[in-house]
Structures are given as structure tokens and as C-alpha cells.
Amino acid sequence: MYKNSEGYADPTAGSAMSQIMKEYRQKQKKRYADKNRRKIYVASKYAGDVDANVAAAITYCRRVIDEGYMPVASHLLYPQILNDNDPNERDLGLLFGLALLRMCDEVWVFGAISPGVAQEIEEAKRLKKQIRYFEEVGA
């Protein structure tokens, strides 16, 4: 039983405090769940029509989020930092992506399989990751 500052029972305040604590615990539980979502490696083509492929990859990541998971899309990160037209930097970006893939729970492959995506699929198989295949946006 909740007691006020004078030591008397105060069921109204006790009920209110109980509800506040219940809401707080629910928020903390949701924060923990969001922070610990399963990580999904998003594999989709980047080269070619880069603008269209980036837009598609963003759509794929949104789908992963909407399904309750955390997307990991290295091809949206490393081309912002490394020069994809330089073969050495492209290879470095692909290696970084494979390192991220290792930390993911699953690999979701979207659309056509490019040489880079094929490497990611082979690594996922080697690591015995679950692989799911999806059609491209608009397909």
C-alpha cells in the first residue's frame, strides 16, 4: 500500500504511481527489444544505375525495419566513403561488407544477383546464415 508523506494510506496516489511505473517498464522493455532486433544483411545490386539501385536498397531496408528487424546495408554506407570506381577501394568496401555480414543473423537478397551480391551469398552460405530471396521493387 502506498503511503503519503504523513504516513497515511493513499490508494489514489498509489494507483497512479503503479500505472506510471507500469508504463515506464513497458517503454524500457520496448527500447530493449528495439535495441536488440535481429540484424538482417540487405544484399542488392549497387553498380550500374546507381541512383535507382540506391533508391531500391533504401526501400528494401525500410521493408526490413517494417518487419521488425534491423537492416545492415553496406552498399549504402561504404560508397559514401570509398571510391567505387577505384578497384582497390571497391574491393575494400566489399570486404568491409562481408565483415558486417558475419555479424548479421540473416541475409536477405533482393532482385538480380550481381557479382558483388554473388560474393555475399557465397559468404553467407559459408557462414551457414539463413538466406531469403525477394523480387526487386516493382517486379
Protein backbone atom coordinates (compact mmCIF):
# COMPACT_ATOMS: atom_id res chain seq x y z
CA MET A 1 0.00 0.00 0.00
CA TYR A 2 1.31 3.43 -0.97
CA LYS A 3 1.58 5.91 1.90
CA ASN A 4 1.70 9.68 1.66
CA SER A 5 4.37 11.87 3.27
CA GLU A 6 2.46 11.83 6.57
CA GLY A 7 2.36 8.03 6.61
CA TYR A 8 -1.34 7.59 5.78
CA ALA A 9 -2.55 5.13 3.18
CA ASP A 10 -3.20 6.86 -0.16
CA PRO A 11 -4.74 4.38 -2.63
CA THR A 12 -5.40 7.01 -5.31
CA ALA A 13 -1.77 8.15 -5.46
CA GLY A 14 -0.67 4.53 -5.15
CA SER A 15 -2.77 3.56 -8.16
CA ALA A 16 -1.40 6.48 -10.17
CA MET A 17 2.20 5.62 -9.26
CA SER A 18 1.56 1.98 -10.13
CA GLN A 19 0.27 2.98 -13.59
CA ILE A 20 3.23 5.30 -14.18
CA MET A 21 5.69 2.55 -13.25
CA LYS A 22 3.86 0.04 -15.47
CA GLU A 23 4.11 2.42 -18.46
CA TYR A 24 7.78 3.08 -17.69
CA ARG A 25 8.58 -0.67 -17.60
CA GLN A 26 6.74 -1.18 -20.91
CA LYS A 27 8.76 1.62 -22.55
CA GLN A 28 12.01 0.16 -21.21
CA LYS A 29 11.06 -3.29 -22.49
CA LYS A 30 10.29 -1.86 -25.96
CA ARG A 31 13.59 0.06 -26.01
CA TYR A 32 15.46 -3.10 -25.12
CA ALA A 33 13.65 -5.05 -27.84
CA ASP A 34 14.32 -2.35 -30.46
CA LYS A 35 17.98 -2.20 -29.50
CA ASN A 36 18.28 -5.96 -29.80
CA ARG A 37 16.44 -6.56 -33.06
CA ARG A 38 17.75 -9.34 -35.28
CA LYS A 39 20.20 -7.92 -37.82
CA ILE A 40 19.38 -8.54 -41.48
CA TYR A 41 22.09 -8.08 -44.10
CA VAL A 42 20.49 -6.48 -47.16
CA ALA A 43 22.10 -7.71 -50.38
CA SER A 44 21.11 -5.95 -53.58
CA LYS A 45 22.96 -4.64 -56.61
CA TYR A 46 24.74 -1.30 -56.45
CA ALA A 47 26.67 -0.89 -59.72
CA GLY A 48 25.01 0.11 -62.97
CA ASP A 49 22.14 2.55 -62.41
CA VAL A 50 23.47 3.64 -59.03
CA ASP A 51 20.69 6.16 -58.28
CA ALA A 52 17.93 3.62 -58.96
CA ASN A 53 19.79 0.87 -57.09
CA VAL A 54 20.36 3.08 -54.05
CA ALA A 55 16.68 4.07 -54.02
CA ALA A 56 15.72 0.39 -54.23
CA ALA A 57 18.14 -0.53 -51.41
CA ILE A 58 16.57 2.14 -49.20
CA THR A 59 13.15 0.62 -49.95
CA TYR A 60 14.48 -2.82 -49.05
CA CYS A 61 15.89 -1.51 -45.77
CA ARG A 62 12.55 0.10 -44.97
CA ARG A 63 10.88 -3.27 -45.55
CA VAL A 64 13.31 -4.90 -43.11
CA ILE A 65 12.52 -2.25 -40.50
CA ASP A 66 8.76 -2.57 -41.08
CA GLU A 67 9.05 -6.32 -40.48
CA GLY A 68 10.67 -5.66 -37.09
CA TYR A 69 14.35 -6.16 -37.87
CA MET A 70 17.50 -4.03 -38.13
CA PRO A 71 18.84 -3.62 -41.68
CA VAL A 72 22.56 -3.68 -42.44
CA ALA A 73 23.27 -2.40 -45.95
CA SER A 74 26.98 -1.92 -46.52
CA HIS A 75 26.39 -0.75 -50.11
CA LEU A 76 24.56 2.29 -48.74
CA LEU A 77 27.46 3.12 -46.40
CA TYR A 78 30.82 2.44 -47.98
CA PRO A 79 30.28 4.06 -51.41
CA GLN A 80 29.75 7.28 -49.44
CA ILE A 81 33.28 6.92 -48.03
CA LEU A 82 35.21 4.91 -50.62
CA ASN A 83 35.55 5.46 -54.37
CA ASP A 84 33.56 2.68 -56.05
CA ASN A 85 35.34 3.43 -59.36
CA ASP A 86 38.74 2.59 -57.84
CA PRO A 87 39.09 -1.23 -57.91
CA ASN A 88 41.17 -1.28 -54.71
CA GLU A 89 38.68 0.83 -52.79
CA ARG A 90 35.74 -1.15 -54.21
CA ASP A 91 37.37 -4.40 -53.02
CA LEU A 92 37.95 -2.84 -49.60
CA GLY A 93 34.28 -1.84 -49.41
CA LEU A 94 33.23 -5.39 -50.38
CA LEU A 95 35.48 -6.83 -47.67
CA PHE A 96 34.02 -4.45 -45.09
CA GLY A 97 30.56 -5.54 -46.20
CA LEU A 98 31.46 -9.21 -45.76
CA ALA A 99 32.72 -8.41 -42.25
CA LEU A 100 29.35 -6.83 -41.46
CA LEU A 101 27.54 -9.81 -42.97
CA ARG A 102 29.34 -12.06 -40.47
CA MET A 103 27.67 -10.15 -37.59
CA CYS A 104 24.17 -10.45 -39.04
CA ASP A 105 21.56 -13.09 -38.23
CA GLU A 106 20.20 -13.50 -41.78
CA VAL A 107 20.87 -12.36 -45.35
CA TRP A 108 18.02 -11.10 -47.49
CA VAL A 109 18.80 -10.96 -51.21
CA PHE A 110 16.72 -8.58 -53.32
CA GLY A 111 16.47 -8.67 -57.09
CA ALA A 112 19.04 -9.68 -59.67
CA ILE A 113 22.28 -11.22 -58.46
CA SER A 114 25.26 -9.08 -59.41
CA PRO A 115 28.88 -10.24 -58.92
CA GLY A 116 29.04 -8.39 -55.57
CA VAL A 117 25.78 -9.93 -54.38
CA ALA A 118 27.04 -13.36 -55.51
CA GLN A 119 30.09 -12.90 -53.24
CA GLU A 120 27.78 -12.02 -50.35
CA ILE A 121 25.64 -15.10 -50.98
CA GLU A 122 28.73 -17.34 -51.04
CA GLU A 123 29.95 -15.86 -47.75
CA ALA A 124 26.51 -16.30 -46.19
CA LYS A 125 26.49 -19.96 -47.28
CA ARG A 126 30.00 -20.45 -45.92
CA LEU A 127 28.88 -19.00 -42.58
CA LYS A 128 25.66 -21.04 -42.67
CA LYS A 129 23.48 -17.94 -42.48
CA GLN A 130 19.81 -18.19 -43.38
CA ILE A 131 19.29 -16.65 -46.84
CA ARG A 132 15.96 -15.36 -48.12
CA TYR A 133 15.36 -14.22 -51.70
CA PHE A 134 12.97 -11.46 -52.75
CA GLU A 135 11.99 -9.88 -56.06
CA GLU A 136 13.03 -6.36 -56.97
CA VAL A 137 10.85 -3.35 -56.27
CA GLY A 138 8.12 -3.18 -58.91
CA ALA A 139 8.82 -6.71 -60.11
